[in-house]
N, C-alpha and C. Protein backbone atom coordinates (compact mmCIF):
# COMPACT_ATOMS: atom_id res chain seq x y z
N UNK A 1 157.80 103.52 125.96
CA UNK A 1 158.40 104.78 126.54
C UNK A 1 159.21 104.51 127.61
N UNK A 2 160.55 104.64 127.51
CA UNK A 2 161.37 104.57 128.76
C UNK A 2 161.60 106.04 129.35
N UNK A 3 161.20 106.20 130.35
CA UNK A 3 161.14 107.82 131.13
C UNK A 3 162.23 107.46 132.37
N UNK A 4 163.19 106.47 132.47
CA UNK A 4 163.95 106.24 133.66
C UNK A 4 163.41 105.72 134.83
N UNK A 5 161.98 105.59 134.80
CA UNK A 5 161.69 104.90 136.03
C UNK A 5 161.12 103.48 135.99
N UNK A 6 161.73 102.54 135.39
CA UNK A 6 161.48 101.36 134.95
C UNK A 6 161.06 100.61 136.16
N UNK A 7 161.78 100.69 137.35
CA UNK A 7 161.17 100.05 138.49
C UNK A 7 159.68 100.12 138.82
N UNK A 8 159.30 101.33 138.27
CA UNK A 8 157.90 101.79 138.81
C UNK A 8 156.76 101.02 138.23
N UNK A 9 157.26 100.15 137.03
CA UNK A 9 156.42 99.26 136.56
C UNK A 9 155.97 98.15 137.43
N UNK A 10 157.11 97.82 138.17
CA UNK A 10 156.84 96.77 139.30
C UNK A 10 155.79 96.98 140.17
N UNK A 11 155.57 98.22 140.25
CA UNK A 11 154.53 98.64 141.52
C UNK A 11 153.01 98.48 141.03
N UNK A 12 152.69 98.32 139.80
CA UNK A 12 151.35 98.24 139.22
C UNK A 12 150.99 97.00 139.53
N UNK A 13 149.56 96.89 140.06
CA UNK A 13 148.85 95.89 140.33
C UNK A 13 149.07 95.47 141.81
N UNK A 14 149.85 96.21 142.62
CA UNK A 14 149.90 95.85 143.91
C UNK A 14 149.07 96.58 144.93
N UNK A 15 149.06 96.44 145.96
CA UNK A 15 147.98 97.25 146.85
C UNK A 15 146.73 96.40 146.96
N UNK A 16 145.58 97.22 147.36
CA UNK A 16 144.40 96.71 147.49
C UNK A 16 144.17 95.95 148.93
N UNK A 17 143.19 94.84 148.71
CA UNK A 17 143.32 94.22 150.04
C UNK A 17 144.24 93.45 150.25
N UNK A 18 145.10 93.00 149.49
CA UNK A 18 146.15 92.13 149.45
C UNK A 18 147.43 92.62 150.07
N UNK A 19 147.60 93.95 149.99
CA UNK A 19 148.74 94.64 150.37
C UNK A 19 150.13 94.28 149.62
N UNK A 20 151.14 94.95 150.16
CA UNK A 20 152.49 94.64 149.46
C UNK A 20 153.67 95.10 150.26
N UNK A 21 154.93 95.22 149.56
CA UNK A 21 155.82 95.55 150.55
C UNK A 21 155.89 97.22 150.74
N UNK A 22 155.01 97.82 150.11
CA UNK A 22 154.73 99.24 150.39
C UNK A 22 153.79 99.64 151.44
N UNK A 23 152.65 98.92 151.43
CA UNK A 23 151.57 99.14 152.32
C UNK A 23 151.55 98.14 153.54
N UNK A 24 152.10 96.90 153.29
CA UNK A 24 152.19 95.80 154.22
C UNK A 24 150.97 94.73 153.86
N UNK A 25 151.17 93.79 154.63
CA UNK A 25 149.96 92.64 154.37
C UNK A 25 149.20 92.58 155.54
N UNK A 26 147.90 92.85 155.21
CA UNK A 26 147.07 92.72 156.31
C UNK A 26 146.74 91.42 157.10
N UNK A 27 146.45 91.22 158.22
CA UNK A 27 146.33 90.12 158.91
C UNK A 27 145.14 89.04 158.32
N UNK A 28 145.40 87.88 158.27
CA UNK A 28 144.30 87.14 157.78
C UNK A 28 144.26 85.62 158.19
N UNK A 29 143.07 85.01 158.12
CA UNK A 29 143.07 83.62 158.60
C UNK A 29 143.39 82.78 157.28
N UNK A 30 143.95 81.73 157.66
CA UNK A 30 144.49 80.78 156.52
C UNK A 30 144.10 79.11 157.10
N UNK A 31 143.52 78.40 156.08
CA UNK A 31 143.52 76.95 156.55
C UNK A 31 144.74 76.21 155.85
N UNK A 32 145.39 75.41 156.89
CA UNK A 32 146.61 74.68 156.44
C UNK A 32 146.28 73.21 156.72
N UNK A 33 146.90 72.38 155.76
CA UNK A 33 146.47 70.86 155.90
C UNK A 33 147.27 70.38 157.20
N UNK A 34 146.56 69.53 157.79
CA UNK A 34 147.28 68.83 158.68
C UNK A 34 147.92 67.50 158.53
N UNK A 35 147.52 66.97 157.09
CA UNK A 35 148.21 65.82 156.77
C UNK A 35 148.69 65.97 155.33
N UNK A 36 149.62 65.02 155.04
CA UNK A 36 150.27 65.12 153.61
C UNK A 36 149.16 64.54 152.97
N UNK A 37 149.42 64.86 151.38
CA UNK A 37 148.18 64.43 150.40
C UNK A 37 147.98 62.98 150.37
N UNK A 38 149.17 62.20 150.81
CA UNK A 38 148.91 60.63 150.78
C UNK A 38 148.17 60.12 152.11
N UNK A 39 148.15 61.01 153.33
CA UNK A 39 147.57 60.76 154.34
C UNK A 39 146.10 61.10 154.25
N UNK A 40 145.78 62.10 153.61
CA UNK A 40 144.35 62.52 153.07
C UNK A 40 143.74 61.66 152.16
N UNK A 41 144.24 60.99 151.41
CA UNK A 41 143.89 59.97 150.39
C UNK A 41 143.60 58.58 151.00
N UNK A 42 144.72 58.31 152.02
CA UNK A 42 144.41 57.20 152.86
C UNK A 42 143.20 57.20 153.82
N UNK A 43 142.89 58.55 154.23
CA UNK A 43 141.73 58.85 155.27
C UNK A 43 140.57 58.65 154.13
N UNK A 44 140.53 59.35 153.16
CA UNK A 44 139.40 59.00 152.26
C UNK A 44 138.98 57.80 151.89
N UNK A 45 140.05 56.88 151.66
CA UNK A 45 139.90 55.44 151.34
C UNK A 45 139.17 54.74 152.48
N UNK A 46 139.54 55.24 153.73
CA UNK A 46 139.27 54.42 154.85
C UNK A 46 137.94 54.72 154.94
N UNK A 47 137.24 55.91 154.84
CA UNK A 47 136.19 56.36 155.05
C UNK A 47 135.21 55.69 154.01
N UNK A 48 135.64 55.59 152.90
CA UNK A 48 134.81 55.05 151.98
C UNK A 48 134.50 53.31 152.38
N UNK A 49 135.51 52.56 152.78
CA UNK A 49 135.56 51.28 153.25
C UNK A 49 134.80 51.04 154.44
N UNK A 50 134.42 52.36 155.39
CA UNK A 50 134.21 52.28 156.63
C UNK A 50 132.99 51.79 156.83
N UNK A 51 131.89 51.94 155.92
CA UNK A 51 130.60 51.28 156.01
C UNK A 51 130.57 49.91 156.05
N UNK A 52 131.29 49.15 155.41
CA UNK A 52 131.41 47.58 155.55
C UNK A 52 132.02 47.22 156.75
N UNK A 53 133.11 47.88 157.24
CA UNK A 53 133.50 47.83 158.61
C UNK A 53 132.63 47.93 159.77
N UNK A 54 131.87 49.09 159.67
CA UNK A 54 131.17 49.28 160.58
C UNK A 54 130.00 48.44 160.68
N UNK A 55 129.31 47.76 159.51
CA UNK A 55 128.65 46.87 159.54
C UNK A 55 128.87 45.48 160.29
N UNK A 56 130.06 45.11 159.97
CA UNK A 56 130.56 44.01 160.47
C UNK A 56 130.62 44.15 162.05
N UNK A 57 131.15 45.49 162.36
CA UNK A 57 131.34 45.71 163.80
C UNK A 57 129.70 45.72 164.75
N UNK A 58 128.96 46.20 164.04
CA UNK A 58 127.69 46.38 164.35
C UNK A 58 126.79 45.03 164.51
N UNK A 59 127.28 44.11 163.71
CA UNK A 59 126.86 42.68 163.50
C UNK A 59 127.37 42.02 164.77
N UNK A 60 128.62 42.08 165.19
CA UNK A 60 129.25 41.46 166.43
C UNK A 60 128.66 42.02 167.63
N UNK A 61 128.49 43.21 167.79
CA UNK A 61 128.03 43.99 168.97
C UNK A 61 126.62 43.87 169.08
N UNK A 62 125.77 43.59 168.14
CA UNK A 62 124.45 42.99 168.31
C UNK A 62 124.17 41.63 168.67
N UNK A 63 125.19 40.97 168.60
CA UNK A 63 125.02 39.45 169.08
C UNK A 63 124.56 38.72 168.12
N UNK A 64 124.65 39.26 166.65
CA UNK A 64 124.17 38.49 165.49
C UNK A 64 124.64 37.25 165.58
N UNK A 65 124.08 36.13 165.40
CA UNK A 65 124.38 34.56 165.32
C UNK A 65 125.30 34.42 164.02
N UNK A 66 124.84 35.14 163.08
CA UNK A 66 125.55 35.13 161.80
C UNK A 66 127.26 35.12 161.90
N UNK A 67 127.31 36.25 162.58
CA UNK A 67 128.79 36.87 162.76
C UNK A 67 129.24 35.77 163.58
N UNK A 68 128.85 35.36 164.62
CA UNK A 68 129.44 34.76 165.76
C UNK A 68 129.71 33.35 165.17
N UNK A 69 128.80 32.58 164.47
CA UNK A 69 128.87 31.36 163.72
C UNK A 69 130.13 31.34 162.81
N UNK A 70 130.21 32.65 162.20
CA UNK A 70 131.41 32.87 161.00
C UNK A 70 132.72 32.39 161.94
N UNK A 71 132.90 32.99 163.33
CA UNK A 71 134.20 33.02 163.79
C UNK A 71 134.20 31.77 164.60
N UNK A 72 133.18 30.95 165.07
CA UNK A 72 133.09 29.76 165.91
C UNK A 72 133.01 28.41 165.09
N UNK A 73 132.89 28.63 164.03
CA UNK A 73 132.59 27.60 162.92
C UNK A 73 133.81 26.71 163.01
N UNK A 74 134.99 27.03 162.84
CA UNK A 74 136.38 26.16 162.71
C UNK A 74 136.25 25.45 164.15
N UNK A 75 136.06 25.97 165.37
CA UNK A 75 136.04 25.47 166.62
C UNK A 75 134.98 24.28 166.71
N UNK A 76 133.72 24.38 166.06
CA UNK A 76 132.84 23.46 166.11
C UNK A 76 133.19 22.14 165.27
N UNK A 77 133.75 22.65 164.02
CA UNK A 77 134.30 21.32 163.18
C UNK A 77 135.10 20.76 163.87
N UNK A 78 136.40 21.30 164.54
CA UNK A 78 137.28 20.57 165.34
C UNK A 78 136.67 19.89 166.21
N UNK A 79 135.68 20.26 167.04
CA UNK A 79 135.13 19.55 168.19
C UNK A 79 134.22 18.32 167.78
N UNK A 80 133.47 18.52 166.49
CA UNK A 80 132.69 17.32 165.96
C UNK A 80 133.75 16.08 165.34
N UNK A 81 134.74 16.76 164.57
CA UNK A 81 135.85 15.88 163.98
C UNK A 81 136.79 15.06 164.66
N UNK A 82 137.38 15.86 165.73
CA UNK A 82 138.34 15.38 166.55
C UNK A 82 138.11 15.07 167.92
N UNK A 83 137.44 16.09 168.63
CA UNK A 83 137.41 15.91 170.11
C UNK A 83 136.35 14.83 170.25
N UNK A 84 135.16 14.70 169.79
CA UNK A 84 134.19 13.68 170.07
C UNK A 84 134.71 12.41 169.68
N UNK A 85 135.26 12.12 168.57
CA UNK A 85 135.69 10.84 168.12
C UNK A 85 136.95 10.49 169.08
N UNK A 86 137.55 11.27 169.45
CA UNK A 86 138.86 11.12 170.60
C UNK A 86 138.04 10.54 171.63
N UNK A 87 137.23 11.07 172.27
CA UNK A 87 136.68 10.92 173.54
C UNK A 87 135.97 9.34 173.17
N UNK A 88 135.30 9.06 172.13
CA UNK A 88 134.52 7.78 172.07
C UNK A 88 135.75 6.90 171.83
N UNK A 89 136.88 7.25 171.16
CA UNK A 89 137.99 6.16 170.89
C UNK A 89 138.38 5.63 172.30
N UNK A 90 138.46 6.56 173.37
CA UNK A 90 139.01 6.01 174.78
C UNK A 90 137.91 5.06 175.28
N UNK A 91 136.61 5.33 175.03
CA UNK A 91 135.88 4.64 175.75
C UNK A 91 135.19 3.20 174.79
N UNK A 92 135.94 3.23 173.74
CA UNK A 92 135.46 2.17 172.81
C UNK A 92 135.71 0.80 173.29
N UNK A 93 134.86 -0.23 172.97
CA UNK A 93 134.74 -1.61 173.41
C UNK A 93 133.70 -1.73 174.59
N UNK A 94 133.21 -2.81 174.46
CA UNK A 94 132.24 -3.05 175.65
C UNK A 94 131.10 -2.25 175.67
N UNK A 95 130.46 -2.06 176.73
CA UNK A 95 129.45 -1.03 177.14
C UNK A 95 129.94 0.30 177.78
N UNK A 96 131.26 0.57 177.54
CA UNK A 96 131.77 1.83 178.39
C UNK A 96 131.15 2.98 177.59
N UNK A 97 130.74 2.89 176.42
CA UNK A 97 130.10 4.15 175.92
C UNK A 97 128.77 4.31 176.47
N UNK A 98 128.14 3.48 177.07
CA UNK A 98 126.90 3.86 177.73
C UNK A 98 127.25 4.25 179.17
N UNK A 99 128.30 3.97 179.71
CA UNK A 99 128.46 4.45 181.27
C UNK A 99 128.49 6.16 181.31
N UNK A 100 128.44 6.37 182.92
CA UNK A 100 128.60 7.78 183.12
C UNK A 100 129.69 8.43 182.64
N UNK A 101 130.87 7.65 182.74
CA UNK A 101 132.20 8.16 182.40
C UNK A 101 132.03 8.81 181.10
N UNK A 102 131.81 8.18 180.23
CA UNK A 102 131.63 8.64 178.72
C UNK A 102 130.79 9.77 178.87
N UNK A 103 129.63 9.73 179.25
CA UNK A 103 128.70 11.03 179.38
C UNK A 103 129.29 12.16 179.96
N UNK A 104 130.01 12.01 181.19
CA UNK A 104 130.82 12.97 181.95
C UNK A 104 131.97 13.48 180.99
N UNK A 105 132.72 12.73 180.07
CA UNK A 105 133.72 13.11 179.55
C UNK A 105 133.26 14.21 178.20
N UNK A 106 132.18 13.49 177.59
CA UNK A 106 131.52 14.31 176.79
C UNK A 106 131.03 15.96 177.06
N UNK A 107 130.38 15.65 178.45
CA UNK A 107 129.66 16.83 178.87
C UNK A 107 130.74 18.01 179.41
N UNK A 108 132.09 17.44 179.81
CA UNK A 108 133.10 18.48 180.03
C UNK A 108 133.64 19.05 178.69
N UNK A 109 133.87 18.17 177.90
CA UNK A 109 134.35 18.60 176.43
C UNK A 109 133.32 19.63 175.96
N UNK A 110 132.07 19.48 175.97
CA UNK A 110 131.09 20.52 175.44
C UNK A 110 130.92 21.65 176.37
N UNK A 111 131.31 21.65 177.73
CA UNK A 111 131.09 22.83 178.56
C UNK A 111 132.44 23.61 178.17
N UNK A 112 133.57 22.88 178.11
CA UNK A 112 134.87 23.67 177.77
C UNK A 112 134.58 24.37 176.29
N UNK A 113 133.88 23.87 175.28
CA UNK A 113 133.72 24.41 173.86
C UNK A 113 133.00 25.45 174.32
N UNK A 114 131.65 25.43 174.94
CA UNK A 114 130.98 26.44 175.18
C UNK A 114 131.68 27.75 175.87
N UNK A 115 132.42 27.45 176.88
CA UNK A 115 133.28 28.38 177.52
C UNK A 115 134.25 29.03 176.85
N UNK A 116 134.71 28.47 175.90
CA UNK A 116 135.78 28.93 174.81
C UNK A 116 135.02 29.73 173.99
N UNK A 117 133.73 29.22 173.37
CA UNK A 117 132.94 30.08 172.40
C UNK A 117 132.68 31.52 173.10
N UNK A 118 132.04 31.43 174.19
CA UNK A 118 131.79 32.53 174.91
C UNK A 118 132.82 33.49 175.21
N UNK A 119 134.01 33.14 175.32
CA UNK A 119 135.25 33.97 175.57
C UNK A 119 135.81 34.46 174.15
N UNK A 120 135.41 33.76 173.14
CA UNK A 120 135.91 34.19 171.99
C UNK A 120 134.80 35.73 171.56
N UNK A 121 133.60 35.13 171.75
CA UNK A 121 132.42 36.28 171.65
C UNK A 121 132.71 37.50 172.40
N UNK A 122 133.03 37.29 173.55
CA UNK A 122 133.45 38.41 174.62
C UNK A 122 134.64 39.39 174.00
N UNK A 123 135.61 38.54 173.54
CA UNK A 123 136.98 39.11 172.73
C UNK A 123 136.23 39.93 171.56
N UNK A 124 135.57 39.27 170.80
CA UNK A 124 135.11 39.92 169.48
C UNK A 124 134.44 41.14 169.62
N UNK A 125 133.33 41.08 170.89
CA UNK A 125 132.64 42.32 171.26
C UNK A 125 133.63 43.52 171.57
N UNK A 126 134.56 43.11 172.36
CA UNK A 126 135.53 44.14 173.12
C UNK A 126 136.35 44.65 171.92
N UNK A 127 136.81 43.87 170.90
CA UNK A 127 137.54 44.46 169.65
C UNK A 127 136.66 45.17 168.89
N UNK A 128 135.35 44.72 168.57
CA UNK A 128 134.29 45.56 167.89
C UNK A 128 134.30 46.89 168.09
N UNK A 129 133.79 47.12 169.77
CA UNK A 129 133.79 48.27 170.31
C UNK A 129 135.07 49.19 169.98
N UNK A 130 136.27 48.61 170.21
CA UNK A 130 137.44 49.40 169.95
C UNK A 130 137.56 49.71 168.61
N UNK A 131 137.24 48.91 167.49
CA UNK A 131 137.49 49.22 166.33
C UNK A 131 136.60 50.20 165.78
N UNK A 132 135.22 50.06 166.26
CA UNK A 132 134.40 51.29 165.80
C UNK A 132 134.98 52.45 166.45
N UNK A 133 135.36 52.64 167.63
CA UNK A 133 135.88 53.81 168.21
C UNK A 133 137.15 54.35 167.27
N UNK A 134 138.10 53.53 166.90
CA UNK A 134 139.15 53.63 166.25
C UNK A 134 138.78 54.49 164.82
N UNK A 135 137.77 54.01 164.29
CA UNK A 135 137.31 54.22 162.77
C UNK A 135 136.64 55.63 162.87
N UNK A 136 135.90 55.63 164.10
CA UNK A 136 134.86 56.91 164.08
C UNK A 136 136.08 58.18 164.48
N UNK A 137 137.13 57.80 165.29
CA UNK A 137 138.15 58.79 165.63
C UNK A 137 139.07 59.22 164.66
N UNK A 138 139.31 58.31 163.76
CA UNK A 138 140.19 58.62 162.54
C UNK A 138 139.41 59.28 161.60
N UNK A 139 138.32 59.03 161.31
CA UNK A 139 137.45 59.68 160.45
C UNK A 139 137.07 60.92 160.78
N UNK A 140 137.10 61.53 162.14
CA UNK A 140 136.64 62.81 162.66
C UNK A 140 138.04 63.70 162.82
N UNK A 141 139.20 63.17 162.35
CA UNK A 141 140.37 63.80 162.83
C UNK A 141 140.39 64.77 161.37
N UNK A 142 140.61 66.13 162.09
CA UNK A 142 140.53 67.20 160.94
C UNK A 142 141.63 67.18 159.87
N UNK A 143 141.28 67.57 158.94
CA UNK A 143 142.39 67.57 157.74
C UNK A 143 142.89 68.75 157.42
N UNK A 144 142.42 70.05 158.10
CA UNK A 144 142.89 71.25 158.10
C UNK A 144 142.92 71.91 159.43
N UNK A 145 143.71 72.87 159.76
CA UNK A 145 143.49 73.48 160.66
C UNK A 145 143.52 75.34 160.37
N UNK A 146 142.84 76.07 161.20
CA UNK A 146 142.85 77.47 161.06
C UNK A 146 143.85 78.15 161.64
N UNK A 147 144.50 79.13 161.03
CA UNK A 147 145.67 79.62 161.42
C UNK A 147 145.59 81.32 161.26
N UNK A 148 145.79 81.92 162.08
CA UNK A 148 145.85 83.50 162.04
C UNK A 148 147.14 83.96 161.66
N UNK A 149 147.51 84.59 160.62
CA UNK A 149 148.77 85.03 160.07
C UNK A 149 148.61 86.70 160.41
N UNK A 150 149.22 87.30 161.48
CA UNK A 150 149.30 88.65 161.70
C UNK A 150 149.63 89.47 160.45
N UNK A 151 149.23 90.77 160.88
CA UNK A 151 149.74 91.88 159.84
C UNK A 151 151.14 91.88 159.65
N UNK A 152 151.66 92.01 158.58
CA UNK A 152 153.10 92.31 158.44
C UNK A 152 153.22 93.70 157.74
N UNK A 153 153.91 94.51 158.58
CA UNK A 153 154.02 96.04 158.22
C UNK A 153 154.87 96.27 156.97
N UNK A 154 154.48 97.18 156.19
CA UNK A 154 155.07 97.71 155.17
C UNK A 154 155.98 98.84 155.08
N UNK A 155 156.53 99.16 154.02
CA UNK A 155 157.34 100.39 154.06
C UNK A 155 156.55 101.85 154.81
N UNK A 156 155.44 101.55 154.45
CA UNK A 156 155.00 102.85 154.85
C UNK A 156 154.63 103.30 156.26
N UNK A 157 154.45 101.88 157.01
CA UNK A 157 154.24 101.75 158.70
C UNK A 157 155.66 102.03 159.16
N UNK A 158 156.81 101.57 158.47
CA UNK A 158 158.10 101.91 159.16
C UNK A 158 158.16 103.38 158.99
N UNK A 159 158.22 104.13 157.74
CA UNK A 159 158.11 105.34 157.50
C UNK A 159 157.54 106.28 158.49
N UNK A 160 156.16 105.84 158.62
CA UNK A 160 155.34 106.69 159.65
C UNK A 160 155.90 106.54 160.98
N UNK A 161 156.47 105.21 161.64
CA UNK A 161 156.79 105.31 162.94
C UNK A 161 158.20 106.06 162.80
N UNK A 162 159.01 105.94 162.04
CA UNK A 162 160.21 106.83 161.94
C UNK A 162 159.99 108.41 161.99
N UNK A 163 158.89 108.76 161.13
CA UNK A 163 158.61 109.98 161.20
C UNK A 163 157.97 110.56 162.61
N UNK A 164 157.19 109.64 163.19
CA UNK A 164 156.67 110.02 164.57
C UNK A 164 158.04 110.00 165.33
N UNK A 165 158.89 109.22 165.39
CA UNK A 165 160.10 109.26 166.39
C UNK A 165 160.68 110.67 166.17
N UNK A 166 160.79 110.85 164.87
CA UNK A 166 161.63 112.10 164.46
C UNK A 166 160.93 113.29 165.02
N UNK A 167 159.71 113.45 164.75
CA UNK A 167 158.80 114.49 165.51
C UNK A 167 159.04 114.52 166.86
N UNK A 168 158.95 113.53 167.52
CA UNK A 168 158.84 113.52 169.06
C UNK A 168 160.21 113.91 169.39
N UNK A 169 161.32 113.51 168.83
CA UNK A 169 162.53 113.98 169.27
C UNK A 169 162.72 115.59 168.82
N UNK A 170 162.24 116.02 167.65
CA UNK A 170 162.22 117.52 167.52
C UNK A 170 161.53 118.27 168.29
N UNK A 171 160.36 117.72 168.81
CA UNK A 171 159.49 118.48 169.85
C UNK A 171 160.07 118.60 171.31
N UNK A 172 160.79 117.49 171.52
CA UNK A 172 161.68 117.33 172.76
C UNK A 172 162.71 118.31 172.79
N UNK A 173 163.40 118.44 171.48
CA UNK A 173 164.60 119.18 171.49
C UNK A 173 163.96 120.76 171.40
N UNK A 174 162.97 120.98 170.80
CA UNK A 174 162.25 122.40 170.87
C UNK A 174 162.10 122.85 172.29
N UNK A 175 161.29 121.88 172.98
CA UNK A 175 160.79 122.14 174.17
C UNK A 175 162.16 122.26 175.16
N UNK A 176 163.20 121.62 175.07
CA UNK A 176 164.27 121.85 175.85
C UNK A 176 165.11 123.21 175.78
N UNK A 177 164.87 123.72 174.15
CA UNK A 177 165.40 125.00 173.94
C UNK A 177 164.60 125.97 174.65
N UNK A 178 163.25 125.78 174.74
CA UNK A 178 162.46 127.06 174.99
C UNK A 178 162.44 126.98 176.55
N UNK A 179 162.92 126.05 177.31
CA UNK A 179 162.91 126.41 178.69
C UNK A 179 164.32 126.36 179.30
N UNK A 180 165.11 126.45 178.24
CA UNK A 180 166.72 126.62 178.52
C UNK A 180 167.39 125.54 179.19
N UNK A 181 166.76 124.47 179.19
CA UNK A 181 167.33 123.12 179.92
C UNK A 181 168.38 122.64 179.19
């Protein structure tokens, strides 16, 4: 049935708590993403793999010899295969390998190795502490933020405001007329 008010059909379903152009939109809180979908997916993947990374860092920070040996094993192999034979080669011949110079050279090389390994352990511990802090900080980064969207006035709000101003103007005009001003 066409009664000439075709536009009226558009008003059906509007109103209620959602508001519309006629009554306005009420103020409301919304959660907005702080990351793109790709960033959220990366964050989730990081957190799924974080357990293994945290275990590695915990092992380093606890002074676990297994973790330290894993990092220093190449240095030990180089020391045993290259440094010691190199020192021995310099003192080869005669009884010079039994002398104090050979023992002192090996002692200095061993001390240097221990110093380097201690420095590596300190650097690993410092890096592990920073790595754990970074992982924890990234995992705690919020993926949403709350935002308040204020009320949006509708037609009725503007009409009421205009009607109030009109009435105020009329009252002012009538008052002026009554007092002859």
